[in-house]
Amino acid sequence: MLNFAGVPGGDGQGDGWRRDLREVAMAGFSHVDIMDSWVRPADLTRDERRDLVTAASELGLAYSTICVARQSIIAADSDQAARNLDYSLRTVEAAAEMGVSTLCLGLHQPLTPAQQGAVWFWLEPGEEDPDDPTVWDLAVERLRTVGERAANYGMQLSLEMYEGTYLGTSASAVRLVTDIGLDNVGLCPDMGNIVRLHRPVERWQDMITAMAPYANYWQTKNYARDHDPATGAYFSTPAPMESGYIDYRSAIGIALAAGYQGPFGVENYGGDGLSVSATNREYLRRILAAKLGE
């Protein structure tokens, strides 16, 4: 639901949910990842959550994942961080009530004014997690708390790779999930968040090789990427998965060899993102059929 505007709860909002979900169903999807930029299940009443499930069911859809974005549980403002932790825990409860099996959580923070004004928000630097062992330990403690709550419901918690955070490199992401040390807490190796940056980045081959053994959910998207050594300039723009910088045929092979069995989410920024996501879905199905011999 990345490509849809936010639809809050309240009287009459069910029509908005149905309108958006109908487009998703007609694009050929059977499962939906709820982005909390579209709707925040934790902030809905129980009746509204029931209506949200019904709206999907009537269209032949089911929810697979709820994705919480820009609600860092270690935000510099301690009061905001505490509110974000509470929101994350309430989202676990909402997901369990709705029968959703995976919660995706990140440490990225709200867009800065400069990011909001950019053509693509990733062209401007965002807030970064501090190089502070105390804050690292707080992230481990709070993510473990969310993970333990999720485990009570048999739910997976997946931590999204994102630049400038403790999940910004494969080594740091693996260290974080290892420090948390819960079987139901894994990684979301969203390498697209990294390769789109206009600076040197870790090789995608190294990222997926390191993170695949810990991955339990995978947001997938791709970008064209280029670098001019003469000027030092970098270029990136959203691209369908099969034609971007990351070779997902190889990346998926690496992940499957490492035992990956989680769901895939398909994303795309810009243009008709839903249609590109549908194209990406069919690409993924072809790759999985070839790799799995089905």
Protein backbone atom coordinates (compact mmCIF):
# COMPACT_ATOMS: atom_id res chain seq x y z
CA MET A 1 0.00 0.00 0.00
CA LEU A 2 3.06 2.25 -0.35
CA ASN A 3 1.53 4.05 -3.33
CA PHE A 4 -1.72 5.08 -1.63
CA ALA A 5 -2.42 8.19 0.44
CA GLY A 6 -3.25 7.82 4.11
CA VAL A 7 -6.80 6.79 5.02
CA PRO A 8 -7.53 7.32 8.74
CA GLY A 9 -10.18 5.56 10.77
CA GLY A 10 -13.57 6.99 11.62
CA ASP A 11 -17.03 6.93 10.11
CA GLY A 12 -17.10 6.52 6.36
CA GLN A 13 -13.46 5.57 5.95
CA GLY A 14 -14.33 1.99 5.04
CA ASP A 15 -15.18 3.22 1.54
CA GLY A 16 -11.67 4.62 1.21
CA TRP A 17 -10.13 1.31 2.26
CA ARG A 18 -12.28 -0.60 -0.21
CA ARG A 19 -11.49 1.81 -3.03
CA ASP A 20 -7.73 1.38 -2.58
CA LEU A 21 -7.88 -2.36 -1.94
CA ARG A 22 -10.00 -2.86 -5.05
CA GLU A 23 -7.20 -1.38 -7.15
CA VAL A 24 -4.72 -3.75 -5.51
CA ALA A 25 -6.97 -6.75 -6.14
CA MET A 26 -7.50 -5.75 -9.77
CA ALA A 27 -3.72 -5.53 -10.18
CA GLY A 28 -3.65 -9.27 -9.48
CA PHE A 29 -2.59 -9.37 -5.85
CA SER A 30 -3.98 -11.77 -3.27
CA HIS A 31 -2.01 -10.56 -0.24
CA VAL A 32 -1.40 -7.05 1.05
CA ASP A 33 1.31 -5.48 3.18
CA ILE A 34 -0.24 -2.66 5.22
CA MET A 35 2.03 0.38 5.29
CA ASP A 36 1.19 2.58 8.26
CA SER A 37 1.47 5.60 5.96
CA TRP A 38 -1.80 4.22 4.49
CA VAL A 39 -3.59 3.17 7.66
CA ARG A 40 -2.40 2.74 11.25
CA PRO A 41 -4.15 -0.37 12.61
CA ALA A 42 -2.93 0.37 16.15
CA ASP A 43 -4.90 3.63 16.16
CA LEU A 44 -8.16 2.08 14.94
CA THR A 45 -10.92 0.82 17.18
CA ARG A 46 -11.58 -2.91 17.32
CA ASP A 47 -14.63 -2.46 15.11
CA GLU A 48 -12.60 -0.48 12.59
CA ARG A 49 -9.94 -3.17 12.48
CA ARG A 50 -12.67 -5.73 11.87
CA ASP A 51 -13.98 -3.57 9.01
CA LEU A 52 -10.46 -3.31 7.58
CA VAL A 53 -10.16 -7.10 7.51
CA THR A 54 -13.64 -7.44 6.02
CA ALA A 55 -12.87 -4.90 3.30
CA ALA A 56 -9.93 -7.02 2.18
CA SER A 57 -11.73 -10.34 2.50
CA GLU A 58 -14.63 -9.19 0.33
CA LEU A 59 -12.11 -8.54 -2.46
CA GLY A 60 -10.33 -11.86 -2.05
CA LEU A 61 -7.39 -10.28 -0.23
CA ALA A 62 -5.60 -11.12 3.01
CA TYR A 63 -3.05 -9.13 5.01
CA SER A 64 0.40 -10.64 5.38
CA THR A 65 2.47 -7.89 7.02
CA ILE A 66 2.11 -4.57 8.83
CA CYS A 67 5.00 -2.18 8.20
CA VAL A 68 5.79 0.55 10.74
CA ALA A 69 7.94 3.33 9.28
CA ARG A 70 9.62 6.41 10.75
CA GLN A 71 8.58 5.62 14.32
CA SER A 72 12.02 5.08 15.83
CA ILE A 73 12.01 3.63 19.33
CA ILE A 74 15.34 5.44 19.96
CA ALA A 75 14.37 8.89 18.66
CA ALA A 76 16.49 11.69 20.13
CA ASP A 77 13.40 13.08 21.84
CA SER A 78 12.96 10.58 24.68
CA ASP A 79 9.24 11.29 25.03
CA GLN A 80 8.71 10.67 21.32
CA ALA A 81 10.80 7.51 21.53
CA ALA A 82 8.59 6.24 24.36
CA ARG A 83 5.46 7.03 22.32
CA ASN A 84 6.93 5.19 19.35
CA LEU A 85 7.65 2.15 21.51
CA ASP A 86 4.09 2.18 22.78
CA TYR A 87 2.81 2.50 19.20
CA SER A 88 4.96 -0.44 18.09
CA LEU A 89 3.64 -2.62 20.92
CA ARG A 90 0.06 -1.62 20.14
CA THR A 91 0.70 -2.50 16.50
CA VAL A 92 1.72 -6.01 17.58
CA GLU A 93 -1.61 -6.33 19.39
CA ALA A 94 -3.50 -4.99 16.37
CA ALA A 95 -1.67 -7.34 14.00
CA ALA A 96 -2.48 -10.33 16.20
CA GLU A 97 -6.14 -9.34 16.31
CA MET A 98 -6.20 -9.09 12.50
CA GLY A 99 -4.42 -12.40 11.96
CA VAL A 100 -1.29 -10.79 10.51
CA SER A 101 1.81 -12.95 10.94
CA THR A 102 4.65 -10.46 10.36
CA LEU A 103 5.47 -6.99 11.68
CA CYS A 104 8.19 -4.97 9.94
CA LEU A 105 9.87 -2.27 12.01
CA GLY A 106 12.69 0.16 11.29
CA LEU A 107 14.80 2.75 13.07
CA HIS A 108 14.48 5.46 10.41
CA GLN A 109 13.04 8.79 11.50
CA PRO A 110 10.61 11.29 9.93
CA LEU A 111 11.76 13.06 6.79
CA THR A 112 13.57 16.35 7.31
CA PRO A 113 12.25 19.52 5.62
CA ALA A 114 15.03 19.21 3.03
CA GLN A 115 14.05 15.61 2.29
CA GLN A 116 10.40 16.60 1.96
CA GLY A 117 11.35 19.25 -0.61
CA ALA A 118 13.64 17.04 -2.71
CA VAL A 119 12.62 15.39 -5.96
CA TRP A 120 13.49 12.08 -4.27
CA PHE A 121 13.78 12.19 -0.49
CA TRP A 122 16.89 9.99 -0.43
CA LEU A 123 18.87 12.71 -2.24
CA GLU A 124 19.05 14.68 1.02
CA PRO A 125 20.63 13.33 4.22
CA GLY A 126 18.26 12.24 6.97
CA GLU A 127 18.61 11.86 10.71
CA GLU A 128 21.20 9.29 11.79
CA ASP A 129 21.54 7.02 14.81
CA PRO A 130 24.37 8.11 17.10
CA ASP A 131 27.63 6.23 17.55
CA ASP A 132 26.78 5.68 21.21
CA PRO A 133 26.89 2.27 22.95
CA THR A 134 24.23 3.39 25.40
CA VAL A 135 21.77 4.17 22.61
CA TRP A 136 22.69 0.92 20.87
CA ASP A 137 21.89 -1.00 24.04
CA LEU A 138 18.58 0.86 24.33
CA ALA A 139 17.70 -0.15 20.76
CA VAL A 140 18.49 -3.78 21.57
CA GLU A 141 16.42 -3.66 24.76
CA ARG A 142 13.39 -2.02 23.17
CA LEU A 143 13.41 -4.13 20.01
CA ARG A 144 13.69 -7.20 22.19
CA THR A 145 10.64 -6.01 24.09
CA VAL A 146 8.68 -5.69 20.85
CA GLY A 147 10.00 -9.07 19.70
CA GLU A 148 8.93 -10.76 22.92
CA ARG A 149 5.45 -9.29 22.59
CA ALA A 150 5.29 -10.56 19.01
CA ALA A 151 6.49 -14.01 20.07
CA ASN A 152 3.51 -14.25 22.43
CA TYR A 153 1.33 -14.37 19.32
CA GLY A 154 3.60 -16.55 17.18
CA MET A 155 4.45 -13.46 15.11
CA GLN A 156 7.66 -12.63 13.25
CA LEU A 157 9.36 -9.26 13.78
CA SER A 158 11.49 -8.09 10.86
CA LEU A 159 13.93 -5.17 11.09
CA GLU A 160 14.23 -3.06 7.94
CA MET A 161 17.61 -2.16 6.46
CA TYR A 162 17.85 1.62 6.15
CA GLU A 163 20.71 4.07 5.77
CA GLY A 164 21.93 6.10 8.71
CA THR A 165 20.49 3.70 11.27
CA TYR A 166 21.88 0.75 13.20
CA LEU A 167 20.41 -1.27 10.33
CA GLY A 168 22.29 0.75 7.70
CA THR A 169 24.97 -1.80 6.83
CA SER A 170 24.81 -5.56 6.69
CA ALA A 171 27.40 -5.94 9.45
CA SER A 172 25.57 -3.59 11.80
CA ALA A 173 22.20 -5.16 11.01
CA VAL A 174 23.51 -8.66 11.72
CA ARG A 175 25.11 -7.46 14.95
CA LEU A 176 21.85 -5.84 16.06
CA VAL A 177 19.65 -8.87 15.41
CA THR A 178 22.26 -11.11 17.03
CA ASP A 179 22.36 -8.92 20.13
CA ILE A 180 18.56 -9.06 20.36
CA GLY A 181 18.84 -12.83 20.28
CA LEU A 182 15.23 -13.91 19.68
CA ASP A 183 14.28 -16.64 17.22
CA ASN A 184 11.31 -14.65 15.88
CA VAL A 185 13.30 -11.46 15.25
CA GLY A 186 15.03 -11.29 11.89
CA LEU A 187 16.04 -8.88 9.15
CA CYS A 188 14.30 -7.26 6.19
CA PRO A 189 17.21 -6.92 3.70
CA ASP A 190 15.75 -3.97 1.78
CA MET A 191 18.88 -3.28 -0.24
CA GLY A 192 17.02 -0.83 -2.45
CA ASN A 193 17.15 1.64 0.43
CA ILE A 194 20.94 1.54 0.13
CA VAL A 195 21.74 1.31 -3.59
CA ARG A 196 19.66 4.42 -4.37
CA LEU A 197 22.00 6.64 -2.34
CA HIS A 198 24.23 9.11 -4.19
CA ARG A 199 27.43 7.98 -2.54
CA PRO A 200 29.61 4.85 -2.32
CA VAL A 201 27.63 1.95 -0.87
CA GLU A 202 28.21 -1.64 0.16
CA ARG A 203 28.03 -4.17 -2.68
CA TRP A 204 24.59 -5.75 -2.89
CA GLN A 205 26.20 -9.19 -3.17
CA ASP A 206 27.90 -8.67 0.19
CA MET A 207 24.73 -7.30 1.79
CA ILE A 208 22.48 -10.22 0.89
CA THR A 209 25.13 -12.83 1.64
CA ALA A 210 25.55 -11.45 5.16
CA MET A 211 21.87 -10.86 5.92
CA ALA A 212 20.16 -13.80 4.22
CA PRO A 213 20.67 -16.24 7.11
CA TYR A 214 18.79 -13.81 9.38
CA ALA A 215 16.11 -12.64 6.93
CA ASN A 216 12.44 -13.37 7.67
CA TYR A 217 10.71 -10.79 5.42
CA TRP A 218 11.98 -9.01 2.32
CA GLN A 219 10.84 -5.68 0.90
CA THR A 220 12.05 -5.72 -2.69
CA LYS A 221 12.56 -2.83 -5.09
CA ASN A 222 15.27 -1.77 -7.50
CA TYR A 223 17.00 1.31 -8.85
CA ALA A 224 19.17 2.18 -11.81
CA ARG A 225 22.52 3.31 -10.43
CA ASP A 226 25.51 4.92 -12.12
CA HIS A 227 28.74 6.65 -11.12
CA ASP A 228 30.92 9.04 -13.11
CA PRO A 229 34.51 8.73 -11.80
CA ALA A 230 35.53 11.88 -13.66
CA THR A 231 33.18 14.09 -11.64
CA GLY A 232 32.44 11.86 -8.64
CA ALA A 233 28.72 12.19 -9.39
CA TYR A 234 26.26 9.41 -8.62
CA PHE A 235 22.88 8.85 -10.26
CA SER A 236 19.90 6.72 -9.27
CA THR A 237 16.26 6.41 -10.24
CA PRO A 238 13.56 3.81 -9.48
CA ALA A 239 13.46 0.87 -11.86
CA PRO A 240 11.55 -2.40 -12.24
CA MET A 241 13.23 -5.21 -10.33
CA GLU A 242 14.44 -7.05 -13.44
CA SER A 243 16.19 -4.02 -14.98
CA GLY A 244 17.82 -2.30 -11.99
CA TYR A 245 21.24 -2.39 -10.39
CA ILE A 246 20.53 -5.35 -8.07
CA ASP A 247 20.48 -8.72 -9.83
CA TYR A 248 17.54 -10.21 -7.95
CA ARG A 249 17.84 -13.54 -9.76
CA SER A 250 21.22 -14.00 -8.09
CA ALA A 251 20.17 -12.37 -4.82
CA ILE A 252 17.15 -14.65 -4.45
CA GLY A 253 19.33 -17.65 -5.18
CA ILE A 254 21.68 -16.62 -2.39
CA ALA A 255 18.77 -16.14 0.02
CA LEU A 256 17.12 -19.46 -0.83
CA ALA A 257 20.43 -21.27 -0.38
CA ALA A 258 20.64 -19.70 3.08
CA GLY A 259 17.17 -21.06 3.91
CA TYR A 260 14.98 -18.01 3.31
CA GLN A 261 11.27 -18.88 3.59
CA GLY A 262 9.66 -15.53 4.40
CA PRO A 263 7.25 -13.39 2.38
CA PHE A 264 8.28 -10.89 -0.29
CA GLY A 265 6.86 -7.37 -0.39
CA VAL A 266 7.06 -5.52 -3.72
CA GLU A 267 7.53 -1.75 -3.79
CA ASN A 268 8.22 1.04 -6.27
CA TYR A 269 8.50 4.81 -5.94
CA GLY A 270 7.36 7.17 -8.66
CA GLY A 271 5.02 6.79 -11.62
CA ASP A 272 2.35 4.11 -11.37
CA GLY A 273 4.00 2.31 -8.49
CA LEU A 274 1.21 -0.25 -8.16
CA SER A 275 1.58 -1.39 -11.77
CA VAL A 276 5.36 -1.63 -11.45
CA SER A 277 4.87 -3.60 -8.23
CA ALA A 278 2.57 -6.00 -10.08
CA THR A 279 5.25 -6.45 -12.75
CA ASN A 280 7.77 -7.10 -9.97
CA ARG A 281 5.43 -9.72 -8.47
CA GLU A 282 5.33 -11.68 -11.72
CA TYR A 283 9.10 -11.39 -12.06
CA LEU A 284 9.51 -12.81 -8.55
CA ARG A 285 7.17 -15.68 -9.32
CA ARG A 286 9.19 -16.59 -12.42
CA ILE A 287 12.44 -16.51 -10.46
CA LEU A 288 11.04 -18.59 -7.59
CA ALA A 289 9.58 -21.14 -9.98
CA ALA A 290 12.95 -21.51 -11.69
CA LYS A 291 14.92 -21.69 -8.43
CA LEU A 292 12.51 -24.04 -6.67
CA GLY A 293 11.82 -26.24 -9.67
CA GLU A 294 8.06 -25.67 -9.55
